[in-house]
Amino acid sequence: MAKKSFKDVNSGRLSYQPPDHLGRTAKQIWRRVVLFLETQNSVERIDQTLVEMYCTRTD
């Protein structure tokens, strides 16, 4: 079976679990931001890097 591309993992959605390399504050922000964006249907897995950058700006 072929490995899914990055953008197709988790059905193309962002995971509620933040990446391990984020700091404590950034992880809290990640969870809040992802919940909001998922309710707006305005984010996809391909946007993960942008969300990470936003979260780490305050860490």
Protein backbone atom coordinates (compact mmCIF):
# COMPACT_ATOMS: atom_id res chain seq x y z
CA MET A 1 0.00 0.00 0.00
CA ALA A 2 1.34 3.43 -0.90
CA LYS A 3 2.02 5.96 1.83
CA LYS A 4 -0.39 8.90 1.89
CA SER A 5 1.03 12.29 1.01
CA PHE A 6 1.38 14.81 3.85
CA LYS A 7 -1.69 16.79 2.82
CA ASP A 8 -3.91 13.67 2.81
CA VAL A 9 -3.03 12.36 6.27
CA ASN A 10 -5.93 12.62 8.75
CA SER A 11 -8.35 13.11 5.83
CA GLY A 12 -6.65 16.41 5.03
CA ARG A 13 -7.57 17.96 8.37
CA LEU A 14 -5.28 19.37 11.06
CA SER A 15 -4.81 17.24 14.16
CA TYR A 16 -6.04 18.58 17.48
CA GLN A 17 -2.81 17.24 18.99
CA PRO A 18 -0.06 19.82 18.51
CA PRO A 19 3.35 18.84 17.14
CA ASP A 20 5.78 17.62 19.80
CA HIS A 21 8.37 20.31 19.08
CA LEU A 22 6.08 23.18 20.12
CA GLY A 23 6.53 24.74 23.56
CA ARG A 24 3.89 24.64 26.27
CA THR A 25 2.27 27.97 25.42
CA ALA A 26 2.38 27.27 21.68
CA LYS A 27 0.64 23.93 22.25
CA GLN A 28 -2.18 25.65 24.14
CA ILE A 29 -2.55 28.17 21.35
CA TRP A 30 -2.48 25.36 18.76
CA ARG A 31 -5.45 23.63 20.36
CA ARG A 32 -7.51 26.83 20.50
CA VAL A 33 -6.65 27.87 16.95
CA VAL A 34 -7.29 24.43 15.43
CA LEU A 35 -10.67 24.17 17.17
CA PHE A 36 -11.67 27.57 15.82
CA LEU A 37 -10.40 26.91 12.30
CA GLU A 38 -12.07 23.50 12.12
CA THR A 39 -15.44 25.05 13.01
CA GLN A 40 -14.93 27.57 10.23
CA ASN A 41 -13.88 24.87 7.72
CA SER A 42 -11.19 27.25 6.57
CA VAL A 43 -8.04 25.19 7.15
CA GLU A 44 -6.54 22.04 5.73
CA ARG A 45 -3.56 19.90 6.69
CA ILE A 46 -1.46 21.66 4.09
CA ASP A 47 -1.78 24.83 6.25
CA GLN A 48 -0.04 23.21 9.24
CA THR A 49 3.17 25.18 8.80
CA LEU A 50 1.29 28.49 8.88
CA VAL A 51 -0.55 27.49 12.05
CA GLU A 52 2.76 26.41 13.65
CA MET A 53 4.35 29.74 12.79
CA TYR A 54 1.41 31.63 14.32
CA CYS A 55 1.55 29.57 17.52
CA THR A 56 5.30 29.90 18.01
CA ARG A 57 5.27 33.70 17.64
CA THR A 58 3.96 33.99 21.19
CA ASP A 59 6.08 31.23 22.74
